[in-house]
Amino acid sequence: MKSMKGPRIVKKKSINSEKDPYLLDIAPGDRAVCKKCGAVYHNKRWSFNKKTITLPAAAKKISVICAACQKIRDKFAEGYVTLHGTFLKAHKDEIISLVRNKEAHAMHFNPLDRIIEIKARKSLIEITTTTEKLAQRIGQMLKKAFDGEVEYKWSAGVKLARIVWTREEGAPA
């Protein structure tokens, strides 16, 4: 029998910056603030933590544009989520609300996880995201909340995910 020597420590996964052209090679400087969204760069990490914004009176505020805002501006998507099926037509507002809530939750942990655009058509919704992981989490959340079928496609060598969620109206939840 194994003995426990203390609580298990789980470390957060780091962001793989090697393949993301929007992440800067040189850090923008401690407590740099994004001009568009207000995210703060502090301790080698972007956050929306208001406590890090307070600067000493003599300190110069550095204004930059974070990687997520640049991706949104350029419509540079790393995740594509396609939703379709007859179920979608009847529950479109609820599904979009859940997707937005998932984005807000993801942004709390990593401000670079954002939705670029949501295009709603008659029986189809297309969502583009700034990271492939957010697209994956949206697919997982829809599967958990509404069941249906989810297909995950990952590109080799490039950070890109295509997620397709389908559910027909008569399918059991």
N, C-alpha and C. Protein backbone atom coordinates (compact mmCIF):
# COMPACT_ATOMS: atom_id res chain seq x y z
N MET A 1 0.85 -1.18 0.00
CA MET A 1 0.00 0.00 0.00
C MET A 1 0.90 1.24 0.00
N LYS A 2 0.55 2.21 -0.85
CA LYS A 2 1.34 3.43 -0.94
C LYS A 2 0.98 4.37 0.19
N SER A 3 2.00 5.07 0.68
CA SER A 3 1.73 6.05 1.73
C SER A 3 1.68 7.44 1.11
N MET A 4 0.80 8.26 1.62
CA MET A 4 0.66 9.63 1.14
C MET A 4 1.56 10.52 1.97
N LYS A 5 2.41 11.31 1.32
CA LYS A 5 3.34 12.18 2.03
C LYS A 5 2.84 13.61 2.13
N GLY A 6 1.68 13.89 1.65
CA GLY A 6 1.14 15.25 1.67
C GLY A 6 0.16 15.44 0.54
N PRO A 7 -0.37 16.64 0.43
CA PRO A 7 -1.35 16.87 -0.63
C PRO A 7 -0.70 16.82 -2.00
N ARG A 8 -1.46 16.35 -2.95
CA ARG A 8 -0.98 16.27 -4.33
C ARG A 8 -0.98 17.67 -4.94
N ILE A 9 0.10 18.05 -5.56
CA ILE A 9 0.21 19.38 -6.15
C ILE A 9 -0.01 19.26 -7.65
N VAL A 10 -0.96 20.05 -8.14
CA VAL A 10 -1.27 20.05 -9.56
C VAL A 10 -0.86 21.40 -10.11
N LYS A 11 0.03 21.38 -11.09
CA LYS A 11 0.49 22.62 -11.70
C LYS A 11 -0.35 22.93 -12.94
N LYS A 12 -0.61 24.23 -13.17
CA LYS A 12 -1.31 24.63 -14.37
C LYS A 12 -0.40 24.41 -15.57
N LYS A 13 -1.00 24.03 -16.68
CA LYS A 13 -0.23 23.86 -17.90
C LYS A 13 0.20 25.22 -18.40
N SER A 14 1.42 25.28 -18.88
CA SER A 14 1.90 26.55 -19.42
C SER A 14 1.43 26.71 -20.85
N ILE A 15 1.41 27.93 -21.31
CA ILE A 15 1.02 28.22 -22.67
C ILE A 15 2.20 27.91 -23.58
N ASN A 16 1.95 27.17 -24.62
CA ASN A 16 3.00 26.84 -25.57
C ASN A 16 3.17 28.01 -26.54
N SER A 17 4.14 28.84 -26.27
CA SER A 17 4.32 30.06 -27.05
C SER A 17 5.17 29.85 -28.30
N GLU A 18 5.71 28.66 -28.48
CA GLU A 18 6.58 28.40 -29.61
C GLU A 18 5.87 28.58 -30.94
N LYS A 19 4.63 28.15 -31.05
CA LYS A 19 3.93 28.13 -32.32
C LYS A 19 2.93 29.27 -32.46
N ASP A 20 2.82 30.16 -31.51
CA ASP A 20 1.87 31.27 -31.60
C ASP A 20 2.59 32.53 -32.05
N PRO A 21 2.37 32.96 -33.28
CA PRO A 21 3.08 34.14 -33.79
C PRO A 21 2.66 35.44 -33.11
N TYR A 22 1.54 35.45 -32.39
CA TYR A 22 1.07 36.67 -31.76
C TYR A 22 1.65 36.89 -30.36
N LEU A 23 2.20 35.85 -29.76
CA LEU A 23 2.84 36.04 -28.47
C LEU A 23 4.21 36.66 -28.72
N LEU A 24 4.51 37.70 -27.98
CA LEU A 24 5.73 38.46 -28.20
C LEU A 24 6.97 37.68 -27.78
N ASP A 25 8.05 37.84 -28.55
CA ASP A 25 9.33 37.24 -28.19
C ASP A 25 9.92 37.93 -26.97
N ILE A 26 9.69 39.23 -26.89
CA ILE A 26 10.19 40.03 -25.77
C ILE A 26 8.99 40.46 -24.93
N ALA A 27 9.07 40.24 -23.64
CA ALA A 27 7.97 40.60 -22.75
C ALA A 27 7.72 42.10 -22.81
N PRO A 28 6.45 42.52 -22.73
CA PRO A 28 6.13 43.94 -22.87
C PRO A 28 6.53 44.80 -21.66
N GLY A 29 6.98 44.21 -20.59
CA GLY A 29 7.32 44.97 -19.39
C GLY A 29 6.27 44.72 -18.33
N ASP A 30 6.71 44.68 -17.10
CA ASP A 30 5.80 44.37 -16.00
C ASP A 30 4.72 45.45 -15.88
N ARG A 31 3.52 45.01 -15.69
CA ARG A 31 2.34 45.85 -15.53
C ARG A 31 1.99 46.66 -16.77
N ALA A 32 2.27 46.10 -17.91
CA ALA A 32 1.81 46.70 -19.16
C ALA A 32 0.32 46.45 -19.26
N VAL A 33 -0.42 47.40 -19.81
CA VAL A 33 -1.87 47.31 -19.90
C VAL A 33 -2.30 47.31 -21.36
N CYS A 34 -3.19 46.40 -21.71
CA CYS A 34 -3.72 46.34 -23.06
C CYS A 34 -4.65 47.53 -23.29
N LYS A 35 -4.44 48.24 -24.38
CA LYS A 35 -5.24 49.43 -24.70
C LYS A 35 -6.69 49.08 -24.97
N LYS A 36 -6.94 47.89 -25.50
CA LYS A 36 -8.30 47.54 -25.93
C LYS A 36 -9.14 46.89 -24.83
N CYS A 37 -8.58 45.88 -24.17
CA CYS A 37 -9.40 45.11 -23.21
C CYS A 37 -9.07 45.40 -21.75
N GLY A 38 -7.93 46.04 -21.48
CA GLY A 38 -7.57 46.35 -20.11
C GLY A 38 -6.84 45.24 -19.38
N ALA A 39 -6.48 44.17 -20.07
CA ALA A 39 -5.72 43.09 -19.43
C ALA A 39 -4.35 43.63 -19.02
N VAL A 40 -3.83 43.09 -17.92
CA VAL A 40 -2.55 43.56 -17.37
C VAL A 40 -1.52 42.44 -17.46
N TYR A 41 -0.32 42.80 -17.92
CA TYR A 41 0.79 41.84 -17.98
C TYR A 41 1.62 42.02 -16.72
N HIS A 42 1.64 40.98 -15.87
CA HIS A 42 2.35 41.06 -14.60
C HIS A 42 2.88 39.67 -14.27
N ASN A 43 4.14 39.60 -13.85
CA ASN A 43 4.79 38.33 -13.51
C ASN A 43 4.71 37.32 -14.67
N LYS A 44 5.00 37.80 -15.87
CA LYS A 44 5.05 36.97 -17.09
C LYS A 44 3.71 36.33 -17.44
N ARG A 45 2.62 37.03 -17.11
CA ARG A 45 1.30 36.47 -17.31
C ARG A 45 0.28 37.58 -17.51
N TRP A 46 -0.66 37.37 -18.44
CA TRP A 46 -1.75 38.31 -18.64
C TRP A 46 -2.89 37.98 -17.69
N SER A 47 -3.52 39.00 -17.12
CA SER A 47 -4.68 38.76 -16.24
C SER A 47 -5.57 39.99 -16.24
N PHE A 48 -6.77 39.80 -15.71
CA PHE A 48 -7.71 40.90 -15.52
C PHE A 48 -7.78 41.29 -14.05
N ASN A 49 -6.80 40.90 -13.28
CA ASN A 49 -6.77 41.18 -11.85
C ASN A 49 -6.57 42.68 -11.62
N LYS A 50 -7.54 43.32 -11.02
CA LYS A 50 -7.48 44.77 -10.80
C LYS A 50 -6.41 45.17 -9.78
N LYS A 51 -6.00 44.24 -8.92
CA LYS A 51 -4.99 44.57 -7.91
C LYS A 51 -3.63 44.86 -8.54
N THR A 52 -3.35 44.23 -9.69
CA THR A 52 -2.05 44.44 -10.32
C THR A 52 -1.98 45.77 -11.07
N ILE A 53 -3.11 46.43 -11.26
CA ILE A 53 -3.13 47.67 -12.03
C ILE A 53 -2.55 48.84 -11.24
N THR A 54 -2.67 48.79 -9.92
CA THR A 54 -2.17 49.91 -9.13
C THR A 54 -0.65 50.03 -9.27
N LEU A 55 -0.24 51.15 -9.80
CA LEU A 55 1.18 51.41 -10.03
C LEU A 55 1.66 52.50 -9.07
N PRO A 56 2.92 52.46 -8.71
CA PRO A 56 3.46 53.57 -7.93
C PRO A 56 3.36 54.87 -8.74
N ALA A 57 3.27 56.00 -8.06
CA ALA A 57 3.07 57.28 -8.73
C ALA A 57 4.18 57.59 -9.73
N ALA A 58 5.40 57.18 -9.45
CA ALA A 58 6.53 57.48 -10.33
C ALA A 58 6.64 56.53 -11.52
N ALA A 59 5.92 55.41 -11.47
CA ALA A 59 6.02 54.41 -12.52
C ALA A 59 5.31 54.87 -13.79
N LYS A 60 5.90 54.55 -14.93
CA LYS A 60 5.32 54.90 -16.21
C LYS A 60 4.43 53.75 -16.69
N LYS A 61 3.23 54.08 -17.10
CA LYS A 61 2.28 53.08 -17.58
C LYS A 61 2.65 52.71 -19.02
N ILE A 62 2.77 51.41 -19.29
CA ILE A 62 3.11 50.93 -20.62
C ILE A 62 1.82 50.43 -21.28
N SER A 63 1.47 51.01 -22.43
CA SER A 63 0.28 50.59 -23.16
C SER A 63 0.69 49.74 -24.35
N VAL A 64 0.07 48.58 -24.45
CA VAL A 64 0.33 47.64 -25.55
C VAL A 64 -1.01 47.07 -26.00
N ILE A 65 -0.96 46.22 -26.99
CA ILE A 65 -2.15 45.47 -27.39
C ILE A 65 -1.83 44.00 -27.16
N CYS A 66 -2.64 43.33 -26.35
CA CYS A 66 -2.38 41.93 -26.02
C CYS A 66 -2.57 41.04 -27.25
N ALA A 67 -2.08 39.83 -27.17
CA ALA A 67 -2.14 38.88 -28.28
C ALA A 67 -3.59 38.56 -28.67
N ALA A 68 -4.48 38.45 -27.69
CA ALA A 68 -5.88 38.14 -28.00
C ALA A 68 -6.54 39.26 -28.78
N CYS A 69 -6.30 40.50 -28.39
CA CYS A 69 -6.89 41.64 -29.11
C CYS A 69 -6.32 41.74 -30.52
N GLN A 70 -5.05 41.40 -30.69
CA GLN A 70 -4.45 41.39 -32.03
C GLN A 70 -5.09 40.30 -32.90
N LYS A 71 -5.31 39.13 -32.32
CA LYS A 71 -5.93 38.05 -33.07
C LYS A 71 -7.36 38.41 -33.46
N ILE A 72 -8.09 39.05 -32.56
CA ILE A 72 -9.46 39.47 -32.86
C ILE A 72 -9.46 40.51 -33.98
N ARG A 73 -8.55 41.47 -33.89
CA ARG A 73 -8.43 42.51 -34.92
C ARG A 73 -8.12 41.89 -36.29
N ASP A 74 -7.20 40.93 -36.33
CA ASP A 74 -6.78 40.30 -37.58
C ASP A 74 -7.66 39.11 -37.97
N LYS A 75 -8.62 38.75 -37.12
CA LYS A 75 -9.46 37.56 -37.32
C LYS A 75 -8.60 36.31 -37.53
N PHE A 76 -7.57 36.18 -36.71
CA PHE A 76 -6.65 35.04 -36.75
C PHE A 76 -7.16 33.98 -35.78
N ALA A 77 -7.86 33.00 -36.30
CA ALA A 77 -8.47 31.97 -35.45
C ALA A 77 -7.59 30.73 -35.36
N GLU A 78 -7.55 30.17 -34.17
CA GLU A 78 -6.89 28.88 -33.96
C GLU A 78 -7.91 27.80 -33.64
N GLY A 79 -9.15 28.20 -33.44
CA GLY A 79 -10.21 27.24 -33.16
C GLY A 79 -11.47 27.59 -33.93
N TYR A 80 -12.05 26.58 -34.54
CA TYR A 80 -13.30 26.73 -35.28
C TYR A 80 -14.31 25.75 -34.70
N VAL A 81 -15.45 26.25 -34.27
CA VAL A 81 -16.50 25.40 -33.72
C VAL A 81 -17.73 25.58 -34.61
N THR A 82 -18.24 24.48 -35.15
CA THR A 82 -19.43 24.52 -35.98
C THR A 82 -20.53 23.75 -35.28
N LEU A 83 -21.68 24.40 -35.12
CA LEU A 83 -22.83 23.79 -34.46
C LEU A 83 -23.95 23.68 -35.48
N HIS A 84 -24.55 22.50 -35.59
CA HIS A 84 -25.70 22.37 -36.47
C HIS A 84 -26.61 21.26 -36.03
N GLY A 85 -27.77 21.23 -36.64
CA GLY A 85 -28.80 20.25 -36.31
C GLY A 85 -30.11 20.95 -36.03
N THR A 86 -31.18 20.20 -36.05
CA THR A 86 -32.50 20.78 -35.81
C THR A 86 -32.67 21.25 -34.37
N PHE A 87 -31.97 20.65 -33.44
CA PHE A 87 -32.03 21.06 -32.03
C PHE A 87 -31.53 22.50 -31.86
N LEU A 88 -30.55 22.87 -32.65
CA LEU A 88 -29.94 24.19 -32.57
C LEU A 88 -30.95 25.30 -32.83
N LYS A 89 -31.84 25.07 -33.78
CA LYS A 89 -32.83 26.10 -34.15
C LYS A 89 -33.72 26.47 -32.96
N ALA A 90 -34.14 25.49 -32.20
CA ALA A 90 -35.05 25.72 -31.07
C ALA A 90 -34.34 26.26 -29.83
N HIS A 91 -33.03 26.04 -29.71
CA HIS A 91 -32.30 26.40 -28.49
C HIS A 91 -31.12 27.33 -28.77
N LYS A 92 -31.18 28.09 -29.86
CA LYS A 92 -30.06 28.91 -30.30
C LYS A 92 -29.63 29.93 -29.24
N ASP A 93 -30.57 30.65 -28.66
CA ASP A 93 -30.23 31.68 -27.67
C ASP A 93 -29.59 31.07 -26.42
N GLU A 94 -30.12 29.95 -25.97
CA GLU A 94 -29.56 29.26 -24.80
C GLU A 94 -28.15 28.77 -25.06
N ILE A 95 -27.92 28.23 -26.25
CA ILE A 95 -26.60 27.71 -26.61
C ILE A 95 -25.59 28.84 -26.72
N ILE A 96 -25.96 29.93 -27.36
CA ILE A 96 -25.05 31.08 -27.48
C ILE A 96 -24.73 31.65 -26.11
N SER A 97 -25.72 31.70 -25.23
CA SER A 97 -25.49 32.18 -23.87
C SER A 97 -24.50 31.29 -23.13
N LEU A 98 -24.63 29.97 -23.26
CA LEU A 98 -23.69 29.04 -22.62
C LEU A 98 -22.29 29.20 -23.18
N VAL A 99 -22.18 29.42 -24.49
CA VAL A 99 -20.87 29.61 -25.12
C VAL A 99 -20.22 30.88 -24.58
N ARG A 100 -20.99 31.96 -24.47
CA ARG A 100 -20.45 33.21 -23.92
C ARG A 100 -20.02 33.04 -22.46
N ASN A 101 -20.79 32.28 -21.69
CA ASN A 101 -20.42 32.02 -20.30
C ASN A 101 -19.12 31.21 -20.23
N LYS A 102 -18.94 30.27 -21.15
CA LYS A 102 -17.71 29.48 -21.19
C LYS A 102 -16.53 30.38 -21.52
N GLU A 103 -16.73 31.33 -22.43
CA GLU A 103 -15.67 32.28 -22.75
C GLU A 103 -15.30 33.12 -21.52
N ALA A 104 -16.30 33.62 -20.80
CA ALA A 104 -16.03 34.44 -19.61
C ALA A 104 -15.28 33.64 -18.56
N HIS A 105 -15.65 32.38 -18.38
CA HIS A 105 -14.96 31.52 -17.42
C HIS A 105 -13.51 31.29 -17.84
N ALA A 106 -13.30 31.02 -19.13
CA ALA A 106 -11.94 30.78 -19.64
C ALA A 106 -11.09 32.04 -19.51
N MET A 107 -11.67 33.21 -19.77
CA MET A 107 -10.93 34.47 -19.69
C MET A 107 -10.49 34.77 -18.26
N HIS A 108 -11.22 34.26 -17.30
CA HIS A 108 -10.85 34.46 -15.89
C HIS A 108 -9.48 33.83 -15.61
N PHE A 109 -9.21 32.68 -16.21
CA PHE A 109 -7.95 31.98 -16.01
C PHE A 109 -6.88 32.40 -17.00
N ASN A 110 -7.29 32.71 -18.23
CA ASN A 110 -6.34 33.13 -19.26
C ASN A 110 -7.02 34.15 -20.17
N PRO A 111 -6.70 35.43 -20.04
CA PRO A 111 -7.34 36.46 -20.86
C PRO A 111 -7.09 36.31 -22.35
N LEU A 112 -6.19 35.43 -22.75
CA LEU A 112 -5.93 35.22 -24.17
C LEU A 112 -6.91 34.23 -24.80
N ASP A 113 -7.75 33.58 -23.99
CA ASP A 113 -8.81 32.69 -24.49
C ASP A 113 -10.04 33.53 -24.78
N ARG A 114 -10.32 33.77 -26.05
CA ARG A 114 -11.45 34.62 -26.42
C ARG A 114 -12.18 34.09 -27.64
N ILE A 115 -13.41 34.52 -27.78
CA ILE A 115 -14.17 34.25 -28.98
C ILE A 115 -13.96 35.42 -29.92
N ILE A 116 -13.59 35.12 -31.14
CA ILE A 116 -13.38 36.16 -32.14
C ILE A 116 -14.72 36.58 -32.74
N GLU A 117 -15.51 35.58 -33.10
CA GLU A 117 -16.77 35.90 -33.78
C GLU A 117 -17.74 34.73 -33.65
N ILE A 118 -19.03 35.07 -33.59
CA ILE A 118 -20.10 34.07 -33.64
C ILE A 118 -21.00 34.45 -34.81
N LYS A 119 -21.06 33.57 -35.81
CA LYS A 119 -21.92 33.80 -36.97
C LYS A 119 -23.09 32.83 -36.86
N ALA A 120 -24.29 33.38 -36.72
CA ALA A 120 -25.49 32.55 -36.61
C ALA A 120 -26.26 32.61 -37.92
N ARG A 121 -26.57 31.45 -38.44
CA ARG A 121 -27.39 31.34 -39.65
C ARG A 121 -28.62 30.52 -39.29
N LYS A 122 -29.41 30.16 -40.26
CA LYS A 122 -30.68 29.46 -40.01
C LYS A 122 -30.49 28.21 -39.15
N SER A 123 -29.72 27.27 -39.63
CA SER A 123 -29.55 26.02 -38.88
C SER A 123 -28.08 25.73 -38.61
N LEU A 124 -27.27 26.82 -38.50
CA LEU A 124 -25.83 26.65 -38.34
C LEU A 124 -25.28 27.83 -37.54
N ILE A 125 -24.36 27.53 -36.62
CA ILE A 125 -23.63 28.58 -35.91
C ILE A 125 -22.16 28.26 -36.06
N GLU A 126 -21.38 29.27 -36.46
CA GLU A 126 -19.94 29.12 -36.58
C GLU A 126 -19.27 30.03 -35.57
N ILE A 127 -18.40 29.46 -34.75
CA ILE A 127 -17.70 30.21 -33.70
C ILE A 127 -16.21 30.10 -33.99
N THR A 128 -15.52 31.23 -33.97
CA THR A 128 -14.06 31.21 -34.11
C THR A 128 -13.46 31.68 -32.79
N THR A 129 -12.37 31.04 -32.38
CA THR A 129 -11.73 31.34 -31.10
C THR A 129 -10.26 31.66 -31.30
N THR A 130 -9.68 32.35 -30.33
CA THR A 130 -8.27 32.71 -30.39
C THR A 130 -7.34 31.55 -30.05
N THR A 131 -7.85 30.55 -29.36
CA THR A 131 -7.03 29.38 -29.02
C THR A 131 -7.77 28.10 -29.35
N GLU A 132 -7.01 27.07 -29.67
CA GLU A 132 -7.63 25.79 -29.99
C GLU A 132 -8.23 25.14 -28.74
N LYS A 133 -7.67 25.42 -27.59
CA LYS A 133 -8.17 24.82 -26.35
C LYS A 133 -9.56 25.35 -25.99
N LEU A 134 -9.82 26.63 -26.23
CA LEU A 134 -11.15 27.17 -25.96
C LEU A 134 -12.17 26.51 -26.87
N ALA A 135 -11.84 26.28 -28.13
CA ALA A 135 -12.74 25.58 -29.04
C ALA A 135 -13.04 24.17 -28.52
N GLN A 136 -12.01 23.48 -28.05
CA GLN A 136 -12.19 22.14 -27.50
C GLN A 136 -13.11 22.18 -26.28
N ARG A 137 -12.90 23.15 -25.39
CA ARG A 137 -13.73 23.25 -24.18
C ARG A 137 -15.18 23.58 -24.52
N ILE A 138 -15.41 24.37 -25.55
CA ILE A 138 -16.78 24.68 -25.97
C ILE A 138 -17.45 23.40 -26.46
N GLY A 139 -16.75 22.60 -27.24
CA GLY A 139 -17.30 21.32 -27.70
C GLY A 139 -17.63 20.39 -26.55
N GLN A 140 -16.73 20.30 -25.57
CA GLN A 140 -16.96 19.46 -24.40
C GLN A 140 -18.16 19.94 -23.60
N MET A 141 -18.28 21.27 -23.45
CA MET A 141 -19.38 21.84 -22.68
C MET A 141 -20.72 21.57 -23.36
N LEU A 142 -20.78 21.70 -24.69
CA LEU A 142 -22.02 21.43 -25.41
C LEU A 142 -22.41 19.96 -25.32
N LYS A 143 -21.45 19.08 -25.41
CA LYS A 143 -21.71 17.64 -25.28
C LYS A 143 -22.27 17.33 -23.89
N LYS A 144 -21.68 17.94 -22.88
CA LYS A 144 -22.13 17.70 -21.51
C LYS A 144 -23.52 18.28 -21.26
N ALA A 145 -23.77 19.48 -21.77
CA ALA A 145 -25.04 20.16 -21.50
C ALA A 145 -26.20 19.63 -22.34
N PHE A 146 -25.94 19.33 -23.61
CA PHE A 146 -27.03 18.99 -24.52
C PHE A 146 -26.89 17.63 -25.20
N ASP A 147 -25.85 16.90 -24.88
CA ASP A 147 -25.55 15.62 -25.52
C ASP A 147 -25.25 15.86 -26.99
N GLY A 148 -25.71 15.07 -27.90
CA GLY A 148 -25.38 15.23 -29.31
C GLY A 148 -24.07 14.55 -29.65
N GLU A 149 -23.58 14.83 -30.84
CA GLU A 149 -22.33 14.24 -31.33
C GLU A 149 -21.28 15.33 -31.49
N VAL A 150 -20.05 15.05 -31.02
CA VAL A 150 -18.96 16.01 -31.16
C VAL A 150 -17.82 15.33 -31.90
N GLU A 151 -17.27 16.04 -32.87
CA GLU A 151 -16.13 15.54 -33.63
C GLU A 151 -14.99 16.54 -33.47
N TYR A 152 -13.82 16.06 -33.08
CA TYR A 152 -12.64 16.90 -32.87
C TYR A 152 -11.62 16.60 -33.97
N LYS A 153 -11.14 17.66 -34.61
CA LYS A 153 -10.11 17.52 -35.63
C LYS A 153 -8.97 18.46 -35.29
N TRP A 154 -7.76 17.91 -35.18
CA TRP A 154 -6.57 18.69 -34.84
C TRP A 154 -5.62 18.69 -36.03
N SER A 155 -5.10 19.85 -36.37
CA SER A 155 -4.14 19.94 -37.46
C SER A 155 -2.75 19.59 -36.95
N ALA A 156 -2.01 18.88 -37.77
CA ALA A 156 -0.65 18.49 -37.40
C ALA A 156 0.31 19.62 -37.75
N GLY A 157 1.14 19.98 -36.80
CA GLY A 157 2.16 20.99 -37.03
C GLY A 157 1.69 22.43 -36.87
N VAL A 158 0.39 22.66 -36.89
CA VAL A 158 -0.16 24.00 -36.76
C VAL A 158 -1.15 23.99 -35.61
N LYS A 159 -1.18 25.08 -34.85
CA LYS A 159 -2.15 25.16 -33.75
C LYS A 159 -3.51 25.48 -34.36
N LEU A 160 -4.31 24.45 -34.59
CA LEU A 160 -5.62 24.64 -35.19
C LEU A 160 -6.53 23.47 -34.82
N ALA A 161 -7.73 23.81 -34.37
CA ALA A 161 -8.71 22.78 -34.02
C ALA A 161 -10.03 23.09 -34.72
N ARG A 162 -10.66 22.06 -35.23
CA ARG A 162 -11.99 22.18 -35.82
C ARG A 162 -12.91 21.24 -35.04
N ILE A 163 -13.92 21.83 -34.43
CA ILE A 163 -14.85 21.07 -33.61
C ILE A 163 -16.23 21.17 -34.26
N VAL A 164 -16.89 20.04 -34.43
CA VAL A 164 -18.23 20.02 -35.02
C VAL A 164 -19.17 19.35 -34.02
N TRP A 165 -20.21 20.08 -33.61
CA TRP A 165 -21.22 19.55 -32.69
C TRP A 165 -22.53 19.47 -33.44
N THR A 166 -23.20 18.32 -33.33
CA THR A 166 -24.47 18.10 -34.04
C THR A 166 -25.47 17.46 -33.08
N ARG A 167 -26.70 17.95 -33.14
CA ARG A 167 -27.77 17.27 -32.43
C ARG A 167 -29.09 17.54 -33.15
N GLU A 168 -29.82 16.49 -33.36
CA GLU A 168 -31.13 16.62 -34.00
C GLU A 168 -32.19 16.74 -32.91
N GLU A 169 -33.32 17.33 -33.24
CA GLU A 169 -34.38 17.65 -32.27
C GLU A 169 -34.89 16.42 -31.53
N GLY A 170 -35.10 15.34 -32.20
CA GLY A 170 -35.68 14.15 -31.57
C GLY A 170 -34.70 13.35 -30.73
N ALA A 171 -33.43 13.66 -30.80
CA ALA A 171 -32.40 12.90 -30.07
C ALA A 171 -32.55 13.10 -28.55
N PRO A 172 -32.41 12.04 -27.77
CA PRO A 172 -32.54 12.17 -26.32
C PRO A 172 -31.40 12.99 -25.72
N ALA A 173 -31.70 13.73 -24.66
CA ALA A 173 -30.69 14.57 -23.99
C ALA A 173 -29.89 13.76 -23.02
